[in-house]
C-alpha atoms as a PDB file:
ATOM      1  CA  MET A   1     -84.700 130.763 -83.534  1.00  0.00           C
ATOM      2  CA  PRO A   2     -83.396 127.789 -83.943  1.00  0.00           C
ATOM      3  CA  SER A   3     -82.057 126.668 -86.826  1.00  0.00           C
ATOM      4  CA  GLU A   4     -83.655 123.630 -88.465  1.00  0.00           C
ATOM      5  CA  LEU A   5     -81.212 120.973 -88.043  1.00  0.00           C
ATOM      6  CA  GLU A   6     -81.852 121.727 -83.969  1.00  0.00           C
ATOM      7  CA  THR A   7     -85.866 121.748 -84.465  1.00  0.00           C
ATOM      8  CA  ALA A   8     -84.944 118.114 -85.993  1.00  0.00           C
ATOM      9  CA  ILE A   9     -83.181 117.290 -83.469  1.00  0.00           C
ATOM     10  CA  LEU A  10     -85.589 118.050 -80.700  1.00  0.00           C
ATOM     11  CA  ARG A  11     -88.280 116.544 -82.728  1.00  0.00           C
ATOM     12  CA  THR A  12     -86.816 113.453 -83.026  1.00  0.00           C
ATOM     13  CA  ARG A  13     -85.172 112.844 -79.520  1.00  0.00           C
ATOM     14  CA  SER A  14     -88.728 113.833 -77.808  1.00  0.00           C
ATOM     15  CA  ARG A  15     -89.621 110.597 -79.179  1.00  0.00           C
ATOM     16  CA  PHE A  16     -87.573 108.210 -77.613  1.00  0.00           C
ATOM     17  CA  ASN A  17     -89.505 108.391 -74.418  1.00  0.00           C
ATOM     18  CA  GLU A  18     -92.626 106.547 -77.039  1.00  0.00           C
ATOM     19  CA  ILE A  19     -91.981 102.928 -76.927  1.00  0.00           C
ATOM     20  CA  GLU A  20     -93.446 101.641 -80.259  1.00  0.00           C
ATOM     21  CA  ASP A  21     -92.133 104.653 -82.358  1.00  0.00           C
ATOM     22  CA  PRO A  22     -89.216 103.507 -84.981  1.00  0.00           C
ATOM     23  CA  ALA A  23     -86.807 106.251 -83.606  1.00  0.00           C
ATOM     24  CA  ARG A  24     -86.420 104.452 -80.313  1.00  0.00           C
ATOM     25  CA  ARG A  25     -85.899 101.449 -82.269  1.00  0.00           C
ATOM     26  CA  GLN A  26     -83.587 102.543 -84.171  1.00  0.00           C
ATOM     27  CA  MET A  27     -81.453 103.550 -81.731  1.00  0.00           C
ATOM     28  CA  ALA A  28     -82.096 100.033 -79.513  1.00  0.00           C
ATOM     29  CA  ALA A  29     -80.698  98.586 -83.266  1.00  0.00           C
ATOM     30  CA  THR A  30     -77.629 101.068 -82.433  1.00  0.00           C
ATOM     31  CA  TYR A  31     -76.688 100.382 -79.032  1.00  0.00           C
ATOM     32  CA  GLN A  32     -76.653  96.591 -80.083  1.00  0.00           C
ATOM     33  CA  ARG A  33     -74.307  97.028 -82.727  1.00  0.00           C
ATOM     34  CA  VAL A  34     -72.454  98.752 -80.245  1.00  0.00           C
ATOM     35  CA  THR A  35     -72.527  96.013 -77.598  1.00  0.00           C
ATOM     36  CA  ASP A  36     -71.179  93.987 -80.483  1.00  0.00           C
ATOM     37  CA  ARG A  37     -68.815  95.859 -81.543  1.00  0.00           C
ATOM     38  CA  ILE A  38     -66.982  95.995 -77.928  1.00  0.00           C
ATOM     39  CA  GLN A  39     -67.442  92.519 -77.327  1.00  0.00           C
ATOM     40  CA  SER A  40     -65.802  91.694 -80.141  1.00  0.00           C
ATOM     41  CA  GLU A  41     -62.867  94.170 -79.235  1.00  0.00           C
ATOM     42  CA  LEU A  42     -62.849  92.913 -75.655  1.00  0.00           C
ATOM     43  CA  LYS A  43     -62.108  89.069 -77.680  1.00  0.00           C
ATOM     44  CA  ILE A  44     -59.054  90.322 -79.263  1.00  0.00           C
ATOM     45  CA  VAL A  45     -57.857  92.302 -76.297  1.00  0.00           C
ATOM     46  CA  ASP A  46     -58.558  89.003 -74.248  1.00  0.00           C
ATOM     47  CA  ILE A  47     -56.144  86.910 -76.862  1.00  0.00           C
ATOM     48  CA  ALA A  48     -53.729  88.949 -77.945  1.00  0.00           C
ATOM     49  CA  SER A  49     -53.028  89.341 -73.609  1.00  0.00           C
ATOM     50  CA  GLY A  50     -53.284  85.125 -73.404  1.00  0.00           C
ATOM     51  CA  GLY A  51     -56.308  85.973 -71.376  1.00  0.00           C
ATOM     52  CA  ASN A  52     -54.119  88.214 -68.659  1.00  0.00           C
ATOM     53  CA  PRO A  53     -54.135  91.978 -69.684  1.00  0.00           C
ATOM     54  CA  GLU A  54     -51.799  93.961 -68.249  1.00  0.00           C
ATOM     55  CA  GLY A  55     -50.275  97.327 -69.511  1.00  0.00           C
ATOM     56  CA  TRP A  56     -51.658  99.061 -71.532  1.00  0.00           C
ATOM     57  CA  ARG A  57     -53.557  96.102 -73.025  1.00  0.00           C
ATOM     58  CA  LEU A  58     -54.937  96.223 -69.326  1.00  0.00           C
ATOM     59  CA  PHE A  59     -56.283 100.052 -69.446  1.00  0.00           C
ATOM     60  CA  ARG A  60     -57.960  99.032 -72.350  1.00  0.00           C
ATOM     61  CA  GLN A  61     -59.776  95.843 -71.807  1.00  0.00           C
ATOM     62  CA  GLN A  62     -60.823  97.860 -68.637  1.00  0.00           C
ATOM     63  CA  ARG A  63     -61.787 100.783 -70.707  1.00  0.00           C
ATOM     64  CA  LEU A  64     -63.777  98.948 -72.865  1.00  0.00           C
ATOM     65  CA  GLN A  65     -65.885  96.798 -70.258  1.00  0.00           C
ATOM     66  CA  ARG A  66     -67.123 100.501 -69.071  1.00  0.00           C
ATOM     67  CA  LEU A  67     -67.986 100.951 -72.632  1.00  0.00           C
ATOM     68  CA  LEU A  68     -69.977  97.978 -72.432  1.00  0.00           C
ATOM     69  CA  THR A  69     -71.776  98.009 -69.107  1.00  0.00           C
ATOM     70  CA  GLN A  70     -73.165 101.540 -70.026  1.00  0.00           C
ATOM     71  CA  ALA A  71     -74.121 100.783 -73.785  1.00  0.00           C
ATOM     72  CA  GLU A  72     -75.957  97.074 -72.316  1.00  0.00           C
ATOM     73  CA  SER A  73     -78.048  99.545 -70.354  1.00  0.00           C
ATOM     74  CA  GLU A  74     -78.772 101.934 -72.740  1.00  0.00           C
ATOM     75  CA  PHE A  75     -79.539  99.363 -75.056  1.00  0.00           C
ATOM     76  CA  ALA A  76     -82.172  97.533 -72.101  1.00  0.00           C
ATOM     77  CA  ARG A  77     -83.566 101.827 -72.060  1.00  0.00           C
ATOM     78  CA  PHE A  78     -84.422 102.249 -75.076  1.00  0.00           C
ATOM     79  CA  SER A  79     -85.725  98.309 -76.531  1.00  0.00           C
ATOM     80  CA  ASP A  80     -88.566  97.640 -75.307  1.00  0.00           C
ATOM     81  CA  ASP A  81     -88.485  94.119 -73.282  1.00  0.00           C
ATOM     82  CA  GLY A  82     -85.341  96.371 -71.550  1.00  0.00           C
ATOM     83  CA  MET A  83     -87.772  98.405 -70.615  1.00  0.00           C
ATOM     84  CA  ARG A  84     -89.478  96.028 -68.703  1.00  0.00           C
ATOM     85  CA  ILE A  85     -86.792  94.686 -67.096  1.00  0.00           C
ATOM     86  CA  ILE A  86     -84.397  98.272 -66.071  1.00  0.00           C
ATOM     87  CA  GLY A  87     -86.114 100.901 -63.977  1.00  0.00           C
ATOM     88  CA  GLN A  88     -86.072 104.204 -65.149  1.00  0.00           C
ATOM     89  CA  GLU A  89     -84.068 105.064 -61.944  1.00  0.00           C
ATOM     90  CA  ARG A  90     -81.169 102.666 -62.933  1.00  0.00           C
ATOM     91  CA  VAL A  91     -80.762 104.191 -66.718  1.00  0.00           C
ATOM     92  CA  MET A  92     -80.682 107.864 -64.820  1.00  0.00           C
ATOM     93  CA  ALA A  93     -77.685 106.880 -62.765  1.00  0.00           C
ATOM     94  CA  VAL A  94     -75.736 105.683 -65.326  1.00  0.00           C
ATOM     95  CA  ARG A  95     -76.567 107.948 -67.010  1.00  0.00           C
ATOM     96  CA  GLY A  96     -75.914 109.922 -64.571  1.00  0.00           C
ATOM     97  CA  GLY A  97     -72.809 108.840 -63.623  1.00  0.00           C
ATOM     98  CA  ALA A  98     -70.855 111.274 -64.844  1.00  0.00           C
ATOM     99  CA  ALA A  99     -71.762 114.388 -63.678  1.00  0.00           C
ATOM    100  CA  GLN A 100     -71.507 112.737 -60.247  1.00  0.00           C
ATOM    101  CA  ALA A 101     -68.405 111.702 -60.396  1.00  0.00           C
ATOM    102  CA  TRP A 102     -66.710 115.601 -61.440  1.00  0.00           C
ATOM    103  CA  GLU A 103     -68.786 116.454 -58.744  1.00  0.00           C
ATOM    104  CA  LEU A 104     -67.043 114.587 -56.679  1.00  0.00           C
ATOM    105  CA  MET A 105     -63.524 115.273 -57.718  1.00  0.00           C
ATOM    106  CA  GLY A 106     -64.251 119.422 -57.641  1.00  0.00           C
ATOM    107  CA  ALA A 107     -64.067 121.243 -60.842  1.00  0.00           C
ATOM    108  CA  SER A 108     -60.916 120.449 -62.139  1.00  0.00           C
ATOM    109  CA  GLY A 109     -61.340 116.411 -62.140  1.00  0.00           C
ATOM    110  CA  VAL A 110     -63.664 116.979 -65.228  1.00  0.00           C
ATOM    111  CA  GLU A 111     -61.971 115.371 -68.302  1.00  0.00           C
ATOM    112  CA  THR A 112     -60.477 112.595 -66.072  1.00  0.00           C
ATOM    113  CA  ALA A 113     -64.297 111.911 -64.920  1.00  0.00           C
ATOM    114  CA  PHE A 114     -65.449 112.049 -68.475  1.00  0.00           C
ATOM    115  CA  SER A 115     -62.671 109.762 -70.170  1.00  0.00           C
ATOM    116  CA  GLY A 116     -64.162 106.298 -70.813  1.00  0.00           C
ATOM    117  CA  ARG A 117     -67.883 106.864 -71.093  1.00  0.00           C
ATOM    118  CA  ILE A 118     -70.205 106.580 -73.220  1.00  0.00           C
ATOM    119  CA  ASN A 119     -71.491 110.380 -74.325  1.00  0.00           C
ATOM    120  CA  THR A 120     -75.337 109.201 -74.881  1.00  0.00           C
ATOM    121  CA  ALA A 121     -76.325 112.522 -75.389  1.00  0.00           C
ATOM    122  CA  ALA A 122     -74.179 112.727 -78.348  1.00  0.00           C
ATOM    123  CA  VAL A 123     -75.028 109.750 -79.570  1.00  0.00           C
ATOM    124  CA  GLU A 124     -78.471 110.872 -78.922  1.00  0.00           C
ATOM    125  CA  ARG A 125     -78.415 114.079 -80.945  1.00  0.00           C
ATOM    126  CA  VAL A 126     -76.634 112.427 -84.200  1.00  0.00           C
ATOM    127  CA  MET A 127     -78.459 109.865 -84.436  1.00  0.00           C
ATOM    128  CA  ALA A 128     -81.792 112.700 -84.232  1.00  0.00           C
ATOM    129  CA  ALA A 129     -79.911 114.579 -86.838  1.00  0.00           C
ATOM    130  CA  THR A 130     -79.369 111.576 -89.121  1.00  0.00           C
ATOM    131  CA  TYR A 131     -83.121 110.279 -88.236  1.00  0.00           C
ATOM    132  CA  ASP A 132     -84.615 113.639 -90.161  1.00  0.00           C
ATOM    133  CA  GLY A 133     -83.959 117.247 -91.178  1.00  0.00           C
ATOM    134  CA  PRO A 134     -81.483 118.449 -93.407  1.00  0.00           C
ATOM    135  CA  LEU A 135     -78.684 116.026 -92.365  1.00  0.00           C
ATOM    136  CA  ARG A 136     -81.018 113.503 -93.535  1.00  0.00           C
ATOM    137  CA  LYS A 137     -80.852 114.938 -96.405  1.00  0.00           C
ATOM    138  CA  VAL A 138     -77.919 114.804 -96.921  1.00  0.00           C
ATOM    139  CA  LEU A 139     -76.956 111.618 -96.328  1.00  0.00           C
ATOM    140  CA  ASP A 140     -79.755 110.520 -99.190  1.00  0.00           C
ATOM    141  CA  GLY A 141     -77.743 112.156-101.567  1.00  0.00           C
ATOM    142  CA  TYR A 142     -75.132 108.974-101.317  1.00  0.00           C
ATOM    143  CA  GLY A 143     -77.658 106.453-101.842  1.00  0.00           C
ATOM    144  CA  ALA A 144     -79.120 103.424 -99.953  1.00  0.00           C
ATOM    145  CA  ARG A 145     -75.618 101.897 -98.818  1.00  0.00           C
ATOM    146  CA  GLY A 146     -73.401 105.281 -98.296  1.00  0.00           C
ATOM    147  CA  SER A 147     -76.253 106.576 -95.744  1.00  0.00           C
ATOM    148  CA  GLU A 148     -76.874 102.837 -94.118  1.00  0.00           C
ATOM    149  CA  ALA A 149     -73.021 102.983 -93.378  1.00  0.00           C
ATOM    150  CA  ILE A 150     -71.993 107.065 -92.806  1.00  0.00           C
ATOM    151  CA  GLU A 151     -74.551 106.729 -90.388  1.00  0.00           C
ATOM    152  CA  ARG A 152     -73.773 103.123 -88.867  1.00  0.00           C
ATOM    153  CA  LEU A 153     -70.531 103.503 -88.294  1.00  0.00           C
ATOM    154  CA  LEU A 154     -70.725 107.461 -87.471  1.00  0.00           C
ATOM    155  CA  LEU A 155     -72.783 105.812 -84.377  1.00  0.00           C
ATOM    156  CA  GLN A 156     -70.541 103.460 -83.805  1.00  0.00           C
ATOM    157  CA  GLY A 157     -67.588 105.833 -83.933  1.00  0.00           C
ATOM    158  CA  ILE A 158     -69.121 108.197 -81.395  1.00  0.00           C
ATOM    159  CA  SER A 159     -70.093 105.743 -79.023  1.00  0.00           C
ATOM    160  CA  THR A 160     -66.514 104.670 -78.317  1.00  0.00           C
ATOM    161  CA  GLY A 161     -64.533 107.412 -78.618  1.00  0.00           C
ATOM    162  CA  GLU A 162     -63.018 106.719 -81.854  1.00  0.00           C
ATOM    163  CA  GLY A 163     -61.800 109.835 -84.076  1.00  0.00           C
ATOM    164  CA  GLY A 164     -62.700 111.299 -86.965  1.00  0.00           C
ATOM    165  CA  GLN A 165     -60.633 109.646 -90.016  1.00  0.00           C
ATOM    166  CA  SER A 166     -60.196 106.682 -88.157  1.00  0.00           C
ATOM    167  CA  ILE A 167     -64.421 106.916 -88.645  1.00  0.00           C
ATOM    168  CA  THR A 168     -63.879 107.542 -92.109  1.00  0.00           C
ATOM    169  CA  ARG A 169     -61.860 104.995 -92.853  1.00  0.00           C
ATOM    170  CA  ARG A 170     -64.201 102.320 -92.131  1.00  0.00           C
ATOM    171  CA  ILE A 171     -66.702 104.194 -94.303  1.00  0.00           C
ATOM    172  CA  MET A 172     -64.416 104.292 -97.202  1.00  0.00           C
ATOM    173  CA  ARG A 173     -63.520 100.680 -97.013  1.00  0.00           C
ATOM    174  CA  GLU A 174     -67.107  99.786 -96.840  1.00  0.00           C
ATOM    175  CA  LEU A 175     -67.689 101.439 -99.576  1.00  0.00           C
ATOM    176  CA  GLY A 176     -65.272 100.104-101.342  1.00  0.00           C
ATOM    177  CA  GLY A 177     -63.400 103.083-101.624  1.00  0.00           C
ATOM    178  CA  LYS A 178     -65.936 104.503-103.993  1.00  0.00           C
ATOM    179  CA  GLY A 179     -67.113 108.104-102.808  1.00  0.00           C
ATOM    180  CA  ASN A 180     -65.605 111.082-102.111  1.00  0.00           C
ATOM    181  CA  ARG A 181     -63.245 110.657 -98.832  1.00  0.00           C
ATOM    182  CA  SER A 182     -62.565 114.688 -98.327  1.00  0.00           C
ATOM    183  CA  ARG A 183     -66.502 115.029 -98.492  1.00  0.00           C
ATOM    184  CA  ILE A 184     -67.115 112.197 -96.257  1.00  0.00           C
ATOM    185  CA  GLU A 185     -64.554 113.252 -93.126  1.00  0.00           C
ATOM    186  CA  ALA A 186     -65.390 116.620 -93.202  1.00  0.00           C
ATOM    187  CA  LEU A 187     -69.700 115.624 -92.937  1.00  0.00           C
ATOM    188  CA  THR A 188     -68.077 113.184 -90.014  1.00  0.00           C
ATOM    189  CA  ARG A 189     -65.625 115.469 -88.545  1.00  0.00           C
ATOM    190  CA  THR A 190     -68.484 118.308 -88.160  1.00  0.00           C
ATOM    191  CA  GLU A 191     -71.052 115.952 -87.330  1.00  0.00           C
ATOM    192  CA  GLY A 192     -69.352 114.057 -84.571  1.00  0.00           C
ATOM    193  CA  MET A 193     -67.899 116.949 -82.725  1.00  0.00           C
ATOM    194  CA  ARG A 194     -71.636 118.246 -83.185  1.00  0.00           C
ATOM    195  CA  GLY A 195     -73.075 116.117 -81.194  1.00  0.00           C
ATOM    196  CA  PHE A 196     -69.909 116.057 -78.768  1.00  0.00           C
ATOM    197  CA  ARG A 197     -70.433 119.388 -78.401  1.00  0.00           C
ATOM    198  CA  ALA A 198     -73.500 119.081 -77.519  1.00  0.00           C
ATOM    199  CA  GLY A 199     -73.816 116.294 -75.355  1.00  0.00           C
ATOM    200  CA  ILE A 200     -71.115 117.316 -73.359  1.00  0.00           C
ATOM    201  CA  ASP A 201     -72.849 120.877 -72.832  1.00  0.00           C
ATOM    202  CA  GLU A 202     -75.868 118.829 -71.477  1.00  0.00           C
ATOM    203  CA  GLN A 203     -73.684 117.558 -68.902  1.00  0.00           C
ATOM    204  CA  TYR A 204     -72.575 120.779 -68.098  1.00  0.00           C
ATOM    205  CA  LYS A 205     -75.802 122.083 -67.866  1.00  0.00           C
ATOM    206  CA  GLU A 206     -76.417 119.395 -64.553  1.00  0.00           C
ATOM    207  CA  MET A 207     -73.379 121.300 -63.162  1.00  0.00           C
ATOM    208  CA  GLY A 208     -74.668 124.366 -63.441  1.00  0.00           C
ATOM    209  CA  HIS A 209     -74.310 125.388 -59.468  1.00  0.00           C
ATOM    210  CA  LEU A 210     -70.203 124.112 -59.983  1.00  0.00           C
ATOM    211  CA  ILE A 211     -69.744 126.741 -62.998  1.00  0.00           C
ATOM    212  CA  GLN A 212     -69.364 130.256 -63.618  1.00  0.00           C
ATOM    213  CA  GLY A 213     -68.586 130.868 -67.725  1.00  0.00           C
ATOM    214  CA  TYR A 214     -67.683 128.948 -70.336  1.00  0.00           C
ATOM    215  CA  ARG A 215     -64.417 129.386 -72.153  1.00  0.00           C
ATOM    216  CA  TRP A 216     -63.630 129.004 -76.793  1.00  0.00           C
ATOM    217  CA  VAL A 217     -60.530 126.574 -76.738  1.00  0.00           C
ATOM    218  CA  ALA A 218     -59.386 126.027 -79.532  1.00  0.00           C
ATOM    219  CA  ALA A 219     -56.402 123.901 -80.876  1.00  0.00           C
ATOM    220  CA  LYS A 220     -53.755 125.992 -80.856  1.00  0.00           C
ATOM    221  CA  SER A 221     -51.592 124.981 -84.341  1.00  0.00           C
ATOM    222  CA  LEU A 222     -51.170 125.661 -88.100  1.00  0.00           C
ATOM    223  CA  ARG A 223     -54.229 124.324 -88.648  1.00  0.00           C
ATOM    224  CA  THR A 224     -56.285 126.225 -87.119  1.00  0.00           C
ATOM    225  CA  CYS A 225     -58.326 129.396 -88.442  1.00  0.00           C
ATOM    226  CA  LEU A 226     -57.646 132.808 -86.907  1.00  0.00           C
ATOM    227  CA  ALA A 227     -61.003 133.636 -86.442  1.00  0.00           C
ATOM    228  CA  CYS A 228     -60.878 129.996 -83.665  1.00  0.00           C
ATOM    229  CA  LEU A 229     -57.888 131.446 -82.480  1.00  0.00           C
ATOM    230  CA  SER A 230     -59.307 135.022 -82.089  1.00  0.00           C
ATOM    231  CA  ARG A 231     -62.181 133.533 -79.489  1.00  0.00           C
ATOM    232  CA  ASP A 232     -59.592 130.718 -77.833  1.00  0.00           C
ATOM    233  CA  GLY A 233     -59.871 132.235 -73.988  1.00  0.00           C
ATOM    234  CA  GLN A 234     -62.474 134.548 -74.269  1.00  0.00           C
ATOM    235  CA  VAL A 235     -65.768 133.394 -71.799  1.00  0.00           C
ATOM    236  CA  GLN A 236     -69.335 133.823 -71.264  1.00  0.00           C
ATOM    237  CA  LYS A 237     -71.926 132.209 -69.475  1.00  0.00           C
ATOM    238  CA  THR A 238     -73.768 130.399 -71.280  1.00  0.00           C
ATOM    239  CA  PRO A 239     -71.809 127.521 -73.596  1.00  0.00           C
ATOM    240  CA  TRP A 240     -70.458 129.004 -77.729  1.00  0.00           C
ATOM    241  CA  ASP A 241     -71.809 127.420 -80.203  1.00  0.00           C
ATOM    242  CA  GLN A 242     -70.962 129.355 -84.209  1.00  0.00           C
ATOM    243  CA  PHE A 243     -68.506 126.602 -84.624  1.00  0.00           C
ATOM    244  CA  HIS A 244     -67.935 126.254 -88.243  1.00  0.00           C
ATOM    245  CA  VAL A 245     -67.554 122.718 -90.404  1.00  0.00           C
ATOM    246  CA  GLN A 246     -64.586 120.401 -89.192  1.00  0.00           C
ATOM    247  CA  CYS A 247     -64.334 122.866 -86.389  1.00  0.00           C
ATOM    248  CA  ARG A 248     -62.352 121.589 -83.623  1.00  0.00           C
ATOM    249  CA  CYS A 249     -63.267 124.506 -81.067  1.00  0.00           C
ATOM    250  CA  VAL A 250     -64.472 122.723 -78.077  1.00  0.00           C
ATOM    251  CA  ASN A 251     -66.781 124.208 -74.788  1.00  0.00           C
ATOM    252  CA  SER A 252     -64.739 124.532 -71.311  1.00  0.00           C
ATOM    253  CA  PRO A 253     -65.754 125.107 -67.849  1.00  0.00           C
ATOM    254  CA  VAL A 254     -64.199 127.440 -66.003  1.00  0.00           C
ATOM    255  CA  PRO A 255     -65.380 126.690 -62.099  1.00  0.00           C
ATOM    256  CA  ILE A 256     -66.512 129.198 -59.877  1.00  0.00           C
ATOM    257  CA  GLY A 257     -63.786 130.776 -58.317  1.00  0.00           C
ATOM    258  CA  SER A 258     -61.194 129.465 -60.358  1.00  0.00           C
ATOM    259  CA  LYS A 259     -58.221 131.700 -61.031  1.00  0.00           C
ATOM    260  CA  MET A 260     -56.466 129.102 -63.072  1.00  0.00           C
ATOM    261  CA  PRO A 261     -54.109 131.150 -65.570  1.00  0.00           C
ATOM    262  CA  TYR A 262     -55.234 130.424 -69.104  1.00  0.00           C
ATOM    263  CA  GLU A 263     -53.149 131.654 -72.685  1.00  0.00           C
ATOM    264  CA  THR A 264     -55.282 132.794 -74.635  1.00  0.00           C
ATOM    265  CA  GLY A 265     -54.963 132.242 -79.050  1.00  0.00           C
ATOM    266  CA  PRO A 266     -53.945 136.104 -79.572  1.00  0.00           C
ATOM    267  CA  GLU A 267     -51.371 135.201 -76.795  1.00  0.00           C
ATOM    268  CA  TRP A 268     -50.127 132.236 -78.411  1.00  0.00           C
ATOM    269  CA  LEU A 269     -49.611 133.362 -81.646  1.00  0.00           C
ATOM    270  CA  ALA A 270     -47.658 136.547 -80.205  1.00  0.00           C
ATOM    271  CA  LYS A 271     -45.219 134.159 -79.642  1.00  0.00           C
ATOM    272  CA  GLN A 272     -44.773 131.791 -82.083  1.00  0.00           C
ATOM    273  CA  HIS A 273     -41.214 132.708 -84.550  1.00  0.00           C
ATOM    274  CA  ALA A 274     -41.641 135.291 -87.237  1.00  0.00           C
ATOM    275  CA  GLU A 275     -41.811 132.094 -90.079  1.00  0.00           C
ATOM    276  CA  LYS A 276     -44.677 130.346 -88.023  1.00  0.00           C
ATOM    277  CA  GLN A 277     -46.900 133.260 -87.671  1.00  0.00           C
ATOM    278  CA  ARG A 278     -46.411 133.339 -91.564  1.00  0.00           C
ATOM    279  CA  LYS A 279     -48.052 130.571 -92.103  1.00  0.00           C
ATOM    280  CA  MET A 280     -51.122 131.350 -90.419  1.00  0.00           C
ATOM    281  CA  PHE A 281     -51.615 134.335 -92.750  1.00  0.00           C
ATOM    282  CA  ALA A 282     -53.576 133.418 -96.437  1.00  0.00           C
ATOM    283  CA  THR A 283     -51.531 136.435 -97.847  1.00  0.00           C
ATOM    284  CA  THR A 284     -47.728 138.401 -97.079  1.00  0.00           C
ATOM    285  CA  LYS A 285     -49.802 141.565 -96.850  1.00  0.00           C
ATOM    286  CA  ALA A 286     -52.177 140.111 -94.051  1.00  0.00           C
ATOM    287  CA  TYR A 287     -49.033 138.717 -91.877  1.00  0.00           C
ATOM    288  CA  GLU A 288     -47.601 142.141 -92.404  1.00  0.00           C
ATOM    289  CA  ALA A 289     -50.215 144.142 -91.476  1.00  0.00           C
ATOM    290  CA  TYR A 290     -50.733 141.687 -88.492  1.00  0.00           C
ATOM    291  CA  ARG A 291     -46.944 142.236 -87.772  1.00  0.00           C
ATOM    292  CA  ALA A 292     -47.526 146.227 -87.301  1.00  0.00           C
ATOM    293  CA  GLY A 293     -50.462 146.100 -85.546  1.00  0.00           C
ATOM    294  CA  ASP A 294     -52.799 147.658 -88.391  1.00  0.00           C
ATOM    295  CA  VAL A 295     -54.855 144.484 -87.525  1.00  0.00           C
ATOM    296  CA  THR A 296     -55.929 142.073 -84.598  1.00  0.00           C
ATOM    297  CA  LEU A 297     -56.769 138.761 -85.389  1.00  0.00           C
ATOM    298  CA  ASP A 298     -60.112 139.563 -84.161  1.00  0.00           C
ATOM    299  CA  ASN A 299     -61.032 142.065 -87.713  1.00  0.00           C
ATOM    300  CA  PHE A 300     -60.066 138.204 -89.402  1.00  0.00           C
ATOM    301  CA  VAL A 301     -63.260 136.823 -87.456  1.00  0.00           C
ATOM    302  CA  GLY A 302     -66.816 136.590 -89.481  1.00  0.00           C
ATOM    303  CA  VAL A 303     -70.448 134.895 -89.056  1.00  0.00           C
ATOM    304  CA  SER A 304     -72.000 133.294 -91.476  1.00  0.00           C
ATOM    305  CA  ARG A 305     -75.933 133.072 -91.193  1.00  0.00           C
ATOM    306  CA  SER A 306     -78.357 129.708 -92.067  1.00  0.00           C
ATOM    307  CA  ARG A 307     -81.427 129.095 -91.444  1.00  0.00           C
ATOM    308  CA  VAL A 308     -80.972 125.858 -92.065  1.00  0.00           C
ATOM    309  CA  TRP A 309     -77.486 124.435 -90.143  1.00  0.00           C
ATOM    310  CA  GLY A 310     -77.089 127.745 -87.822  1.00  0.00           C
ATOM    311  CA  ASP A 311     -74.830 130.531 -87.036  1.00  0.00           C
ATOM    312  CA  ALA A 312     -71.169 129.705 -87.463  1.00  0.00           C
ATOM    313  CA  VAL A 313     -67.980 131.346 -87.606  1.00  0.00           C
ATOM    314  CA  PHE A 314     -65.713 131.971 -90.255  1.00  0.00           C
ATOM    315  CA  GLN A 315     -62.231 133.657 -91.029  1.00  0.00           C
ATOM    316  CA  LYS A 316     -62.246 136.585 -92.936  1.00  0.00           C
ATOM    317  CA  SER A 317     -59.398 137.400 -95.627  1.00  0.00           C
ATOM    318  CA  GLY A 318     -56.748 139.945 -95.119  1.00  0.00           C
ATOM    319  CA  LYS A 319     -58.418 142.081 -97.436  1.00  0.00           C
ATOM    320  CA  GLN A 320     -61.566 141.777 -95.220  1.00  0.00           C
ATOM    321  CA  ALA A 321     -59.870 142.163 -92.207  1.00  0.00           C
ATOM    322  CA  MET A 322     -57.944 145.129 -93.131  1.00  0.00           C
ATOM    323  CA  GLU A 323     -61.176 147.529 -94.452  1.00  0.00           C
ATOM    324  CA  ARG A 324     -62.823 146.628 -90.748  1.00  0.00           C
ATOM    325  CA  ALA A 325     -60.155 147.891 -89.042  1.00  0.00           C
ATOM    326  CA  LYS A 326     -60.068 151.334 -90.483  1.00  0.00           C
END
């Protein structure tokens, strides 16, 4: 059964095809702001390079130009006037470009093919989530000014590939430093990653004939929770969900016939120095149980259920893990 959040997203996105609907006009306004921001950044690059960019400035200019072209096409898609100027076939060609490039480059080129593009499905999902439903209620708790800034800068950041910390800094500056930074960053990171993952998963669906499954990929670091590390490397036929608040994990498509080796989270942890391993566990007792083989990372995996936000994994305590292992 879909969560309240997912139901709200689907309900709002279904209205994007209705020209007179306010949700559609809000998407047009979002892409207008994104276009303005990209144009401003292009001017800065051009001025800094004296009109003749090279090296990293040239790379940045080319990336911004690609983003600008796509942002303008998306604005035309959602604006009333744009719908009369640009045909749906051209819009779909723009949106399908990543999928076509991926097929041409082969399964191993998926990451390169998606670089320098706006994840339009992610932008649509985040905008839909902020328009209605449980996330809208959370944003309203920040007041008119705070909710507007979070929504606007989050959408702009996702459109241009900006990181969560950078988006949070922009929001805090606009709010004059007022507000709980950690809570705003958690919201920004969580909803940004939720939209990014879902948007990419939608594009993966278009390539189903090339994909045999989806691998849970976690960031292998001291910051990674044991639940996510346990799932790292596991493959299933459909995209994974159950990502927790501020989760950095993603789905990675496994091409049909792929035999590329992958070091799983448990394998990675087993190779780490004892001091680093200890830091991954909340208590010495839990770590010693892991070292003795009395518990595995899988014993630390828990799943919380939410009718509003959907299911999410969480790291069980050492005590809970050891009880589960018995």
